[in-house]
Protein backbone atom coordinates (compact mmCIF):
# COMPACT_ATOMS: atom_id res chain seq x y z
CA THR A 1 -25.60 9.22 8.36
CA LYS A 2 -28.31 7.52 10.41
CA GLU A 3 -30.06 6.18 7.33
CA GLN A 4 -26.86 4.70 5.95
CA ILE A 5 -25.75 3.14 9.24
CA MET A 6 -29.17 1.52 9.75
CA ASN A 7 -29.16 0.09 6.23
CA CYS A 8 -25.63 -1.26 6.75
CA MET A 9 -26.49 -2.82 10.09
CA LEU A 10 -29.28 -4.83 8.53
CA TRP A 11 -26.47 -6.84 6.97
CA VAL A 12 -24.69 -7.46 10.28
CA PRO A 13 -25.36 -11.07 11.36
CA ASN A 14 -26.87 -11.51 14.83
CA TRP A 15 -27.28 -7.75 15.28
CA ASP A 16 -28.98 -6.95 18.60
CA GLY A 17 -30.75 -3.87 17.20
CA VAL A 18 -28.70 -1.36 19.21
CA ILE A 19 -27.09 1.48 17.26
CA PRO A 20 -23.82 2.75 18.82
CA GLN A 21 -23.43 6.38 19.81
CA PRO A 22 -22.42 8.53 16.81
CA ALA A 23 -18.80 9.63 16.64
CA ILE A 24 -19.87 13.05 15.31
CA TYR A 25 -22.89 14.93 16.67
CA LYS A 26 -22.81 18.25 14.81
CA PRO A 27 -23.90 19.48 12.36
CA ARG A 28 -25.65 16.11 12.11
CA PRO A 29 -25.02 12.69 13.70
CA ARG A 30 -22.52 10.60 11.78
CA TRP A 31 -20.89 7.22 12.39
CA THR A 32 -17.45 6.07 11.30
CA GLY A 33 -16.49 3.00 9.32
CA LYS A 34 -14.62 1.74 12.39
CA GLN A 35 -17.85 1.74 14.38
CA LEU A 36 -19.61 -0.19 11.63
CA ILE A 37 -16.93 -2.85 11.25
CA SER A 38 -16.70 -3.17 15.05
CA MET A 39 -20.30 -4.45 15.02
CA VAL A 40 -19.04 -7.51 13.10
CA ILE A 41 -15.88 -8.23 15.11
CA PRO A 42 -16.56 -10.71 17.94
CA LYS A 43 -16.34 -9.27 21.46
CA GLU A 44 -13.83 -12.00 22.33
CA VAL A 45 -11.25 -10.57 19.93
CA SER A 46 -8.52 -8.29 21.28
CA LEU A 47 -5.54 -7.65 19.04
CA PHE A 48 -2.58 -5.29 18.88
CA ASN A 49 -0.21 -4.93 15.94
CA GLY A 50 2.49 -2.28 16.13
CA THR A 51 3.96 -0.38 13.22
CA ASP A 52 7.11 -1.41 11.37
CA SER A 53 9.01 1.33 13.19
CA GLY A 54 7.84 -0.01 16.55
CA GLU A 55 5.95 3.17 17.43
CA ASN A 56 2.27 3.44 18.30
CA ALA A 57 0.72 6.02 16.00
CA PRO A 58 -3.05 6.24 16.53
CA LEU A 59 -3.15 9.81 15.19
CA LYS A 60 -1.77 8.62 11.86
CA ASP A 61 -4.00 5.52 11.99
CA GLU A 62 -0.95 3.27 11.74
CA GLY A 63 -0.75 -0.13 13.38
CA LEU A 64 -3.88 -1.82 14.72
CA LEU A 65 -5.64 -1.99 18.07
CA ILE A 66 -8.82 -3.98 18.70
CA GLN A 67 -10.09 -3.97 22.27
CA ALA A 68 -12.92 -6.39 23.12
CA GLY A 69 -14.22 -6.33 19.56
CA GLN A 70 -13.94 -2.54 19.16
CA LEU A 71 -11.62 -1.26 16.44
CA MET A 72 -9.87 1.61 18.23
CA TYR A 73 -7.42 2.63 15.50
CA GLY A 74 -5.69 1.23 12.44
CA LEU A 75 -6.82 -0.33 9.19
CA LEU A 76 -8.04 -3.85 8.51
CA THR A 77 -5.67 -5.18 5.87
CA LYS A 78 -4.84 -8.46 4.20
CA LYS A 79 -2.18 -8.95 6.86
CA ASN A 80 -4.50 -8.98 9.88
CA ILE A 81 -7.77 -10.18 8.36
CA GLY A 82 -6.36 -12.78 5.96
CA ALA A 83 -5.17 -16.34 6.46
CA ALA A 84 -2.31 -15.39 8.78
CA ALA A 85 -1.38 -16.61 12.24
CA GLY A 86 -2.43 -14.18 14.95
CA GLY A 87 -5.00 -12.47 12.74
CA ILE A 88 -8.66 -11.80 13.52
CA VAL A 89 -9.84 -14.98 11.79
CA HIS A 90 -7.29 -17.05 13.70
CA ILE A 91 -8.30 -15.54 17.05
CA SER A 92 -12.02 -15.93 16.26
CA TYR A 93 -11.48 -19.61 15.45
CA ASN A 94 -9.53 -20.22 18.65
CA GLU A 95 -12.06 -18.40 20.85
CA LEU A 96 -15.37 -19.27 19.17
CA GLY A 97 -14.65 -22.27 16.99
CA PRO A 98 -15.34 -22.68 13.27
CA GLU A 99 -18.88 -21.27 13.53
CA GLY A 100 -17.62 -18.03 15.07
CA ALA A 101 -14.91 -17.61 12.44
CA MET A 102 -17.45 -18.30 9.69
CA ALA A 103 -19.90 -15.75 11.13
CA PHE A 104 -17.15 -13.12 11.22
CA LEU A 105 -16.11 -13.75 7.62
CA ASN A 106 -19.73 -13.70 6.41
CA GLY A 107 -20.48 -10.52 8.33
CA VAL A 108 -17.42 -8.66 7.05
CA GLN A 109 -18.10 -9.72 3.49
CA GLN A 110 -21.76 -8.66 3.62
CA VAL A 111 -21.04 -5.27 5.21
CA VAL A 112 -18.15 -4.46 2.87
CA THR A 113 -20.16 -5.56 -0.17
CA TYR A 114 -23.04 -3.29 0.85
CA TRP A 115 -20.62 -0.41 1.44
CA LEU A 116 -19.07 -0.90 -2.00
CA LEU A 117 -22.53 -1.10 -3.54
CA ASN A 118 -23.34 2.39 -2.22
CA ASN A 119 -19.92 4.06 -2.39
CA GLY A 120 -17.98 2.27 -5.10
CA HIS A 121 -14.24 2.20 -5.59
CA SER A 122 -12.29 2.93 -8.73
CA ILE A 123 -8.90 4.27 -9.76
CA GLY A 124 -8.48 7.00 -12.35
CA ILE A 125 -5.78 9.15 -13.91
CA GLY A 126 -6.33 11.73 -11.17
CA ASP A 127 -4.98 9.29 -8.58
CA THR A 128 -1.63 9.13 -10.37
CA ILE A 129 -0.91 12.84 -10.95
CA PRO A 130 1.21 14.48 -8.20
CA ASP A 131 1.29 18.23 -7.59
CA ALA A 132 3.71 20.57 -9.38
CA ALA A 133 6.13 20.82 -6.44
CA THR A 134 6.41 17.04 -6.25
CA ILE A 135 7.01 16.77 -9.99
CA ALA A 136 9.86 19.28 -9.64
CA LYS A 137 11.43 17.24 -6.81
CA VAL A 138 11.15 14.05 -8.87
CA GLN A 139 12.93 15.75 -11.76
CA VAL A 140 15.74 16.80 -9.41
CA HIS A 141 16.23 13.18 -8.31
CA ILE A 142 16.28 12.00 -11.93
CA ASP A 143 18.80 14.68 -12.95
CA GLU A 144 21.07 13.79 -10.02
CA GLU A 145 21.23 10.12 -10.94
CA LYS A 146 21.61 10.90 -14.65
CA ALA A 147 24.64 12.99 -13.75
CA GLU A 148 25.97 10.09 -11.67
CA VAL A 149 25.58 7.70 -14.63
CA ALA A 150 27.35 10.21 -16.89
CA ARG A 151 30.20 10.39 -14.36
CA LEU A 152 30.47 6.59 -14.25
CA THR A 153 30.45 6.43 -18.06
CA ALA A 154 33.26 9.00 -18.27
CA MET A 155 35.31 7.09 -15.70
CA ALA A 156 34.82 3.79 -17.53
CA THR A 157 35.74 5.37 -20.88
CA ALA A 158 38.93 6.85 -19.39
CA ASN A 159 39.87 3.53 -17.71
CA GLU A 160 39.58 5.17 -14.30
CA LEU A 161 36.82 2.90 -12.95
CA GLU A 162 38.13 0.50 -10.33
CA ALA A 163 36.76 -3.02 -10.59
CA LEU A 164 34.83 -4.39 -7.63
CA PRO A 165 35.98 -7.66 -6.03
CA GLY A 166 35.03 -10.63 -8.21
CA MET A 167 34.02 -8.43 -11.16
CA ASN A 168 35.67 -7.02 -14.23
CA VAL A 169 35.39 -3.36 -15.18
CA ARG A 170 32.35 -3.89 -17.43
CA ALA A 171 30.43 -5.83 -14.77
CA THR A 172 31.36 -3.16 -12.20
CA PHE A 173 30.08 -0.44 -14.53
CA GLU A 174 26.77 -2.24 -15.08
CA ASN A 175 26.38 -2.85 -11.35
CA LYS A 176 26.98 0.78 -10.39
CA VAL A 177 24.75 2.12 -13.17
CA SER A 178 21.92 -0.18 -12.08
CA MET A 179 22.34 0.96 -8.47
CA ALA A 180 22.22 4.63 -9.49
CA LEU A 181 19.12 4.19 -11.65
CA ASN A 182 17.38 2.16 -8.94
CA GLN A 183 18.13 4.95 -6.47
CA ALA A 184 16.44 7.41 -8.82
CA ARG A 185 13.33 5.22 -8.86
CA ASP A 186 13.31 4.75 -5.08
CA LYS A 187 13.89 8.44 -4.27
CA ALA A 188 11.25 9.59 -6.75
CA GLY A 189 8.79 7.00 -5.47
CA THR A 190 9.31 8.02 -1.84
CA THR A 191 8.80 11.68 -2.76
CA THR A 192 5.53 11.06 -4.60
CA GLN A 193 4.13 8.74 -1.93
CA LYS A 194 4.65 11.41 0.73
CA SER A 195 2.61 13.86 -1.35
CA LEU A 196 -0.35 11.53 -1.94
CA LYS A 197 -3.27 11.71 0.49
CA ASP A 198 -4.61 8.74 2.42
CA SER A 199 -7.88 9.10 0.49
CA ASN A 200 -6.05 8.40 -2.78
CA ASN A 201 -7.61 5.27 -4.28
CA ALA A 202 -4.27 3.79 -5.36
CA VAL A 203 -2.87 4.28 -1.86
CA THR A 204 -6.00 2.68 -0.39
CA MET A 205 -5.60 -0.40 -2.59
CA ALA A 206 -1.91 -0.80 -1.75
CA SER A 207 -2.26 -0.20 2.00
CA SER A 208 -5.18 -2.63 2.33
CA GLY A 209 -3.27 -5.32 0.45
CA SER A 210 -6.00 -5.86 -2.13
CA LYS A 211 -3.92 -4.98 -5.19
CA GLY A 212 -0.68 -3.24 -6.01
CA SER A 213 2.23 -2.04 -3.92
CA SER A 214 4.20 1.09 -3.15
CA ILE A 215 6.49 0.34 -6.12
CA ASN A 216 3.49 0.25 -8.48
CA ILE A 217 2.34 3.63 -7.17
CA SER A 218 5.79 5.17 -7.63
CA GLN A 219 5.98 3.78 -11.17
CA MET A 220 2.59 5.31 -12.05
CA THR A 221 3.18 8.69 -10.42
CA ALA A 222 6.92 9.27 -10.85
CA LEU A 223 8.86 7.03 -13.24
CA VAL A 224 8.99 3.39 -14.27
CA GLY A 225 12.73 3.15 -13.67
CA GLN A 226 15.42 0.96 -15.13
CA GLN A 227 14.14 -2.48 -16.10
CA ILE A 228 16.31 -5.41 -15.04
CA VAL A 229 16.17 -8.73 -16.95
CA GLU A 230 18.10 -11.70 -15.56
CA GLY A 231 19.93 -9.41 -13.17
CA LYS A 232 21.19 -7.11 -15.94
CA ARG A 233 20.04 -4.14 -17.95
CA ILE A 234 18.32 -5.17 -21.17
CA PRO A 235 21.13 -5.90 -23.70
CA PHE A 236 21.29 -4.28 -27.12
CA GLY A 237 21.09 -7.55 -29.03
CA PHE A 238 19.19 -6.60 -32.19
CA LYS A 239 19.51 -3.96 -34.87
CA TYR A 240 17.32 -0.89 -34.28
CA ARG A 241 15.48 -2.56 -31.41
CA THR A 242 16.06 -4.08 -27.99
CA LEU A 243 13.81 -7.15 -28.09
CA PRO A 244 13.09 -9.60 -30.94
CA HIS A 245 9.35 -8.98 -30.71
CA PHE A 246 6.75 -7.18 -28.63
CA THR A 247 3.66 -8.71 -27.06
């Protein structure tokens, strides 16, 4: 709203007092976060980062395009705003010197801090619960890989499992079981991530690079998956328990 944008702009260093045109006029004027953060980006900065697939996807807000200090589409993440070559800080330093880079960092920090002060950001149990259809799909993936592990176990028991090059039958069995269980984790994780909205707080944290990753999200929403220690499944080395102690 107008009140919020004016309060935020008081934190923009060297603000000229001009409020940009609102992105939304009806039912009431509203400004976007991209307009606000563009007030901090130096006009000398122009930057384009494509997506991993090599496609420009402004409708999905993927990639990044900054034209003369205006954030056109994309998200500011740790990759393009952090200490990386070709990022905004790097370009600001090259174009404006250390003072310009410092002003940009101070401005971004002040604006984001004020935004967090008024909006807040937290993660709760609701961010990790997928819908019923997604849960059913995850269960299908788990059942498929469980059946694959049962098939491998039957083959190994009947001495029908062919050893891979450089491995004995037991090492081959462990390798194939680990691959199957990892596939269950990856498939389930991909399914749940597709169902989560961009406004999901866990997705926001992972995509911005602040904390967590896609694997953490899949482990919270779908399944933890097989744990690998020293390249192997955890051995059964103690009576009635797997590990000597728990911390």
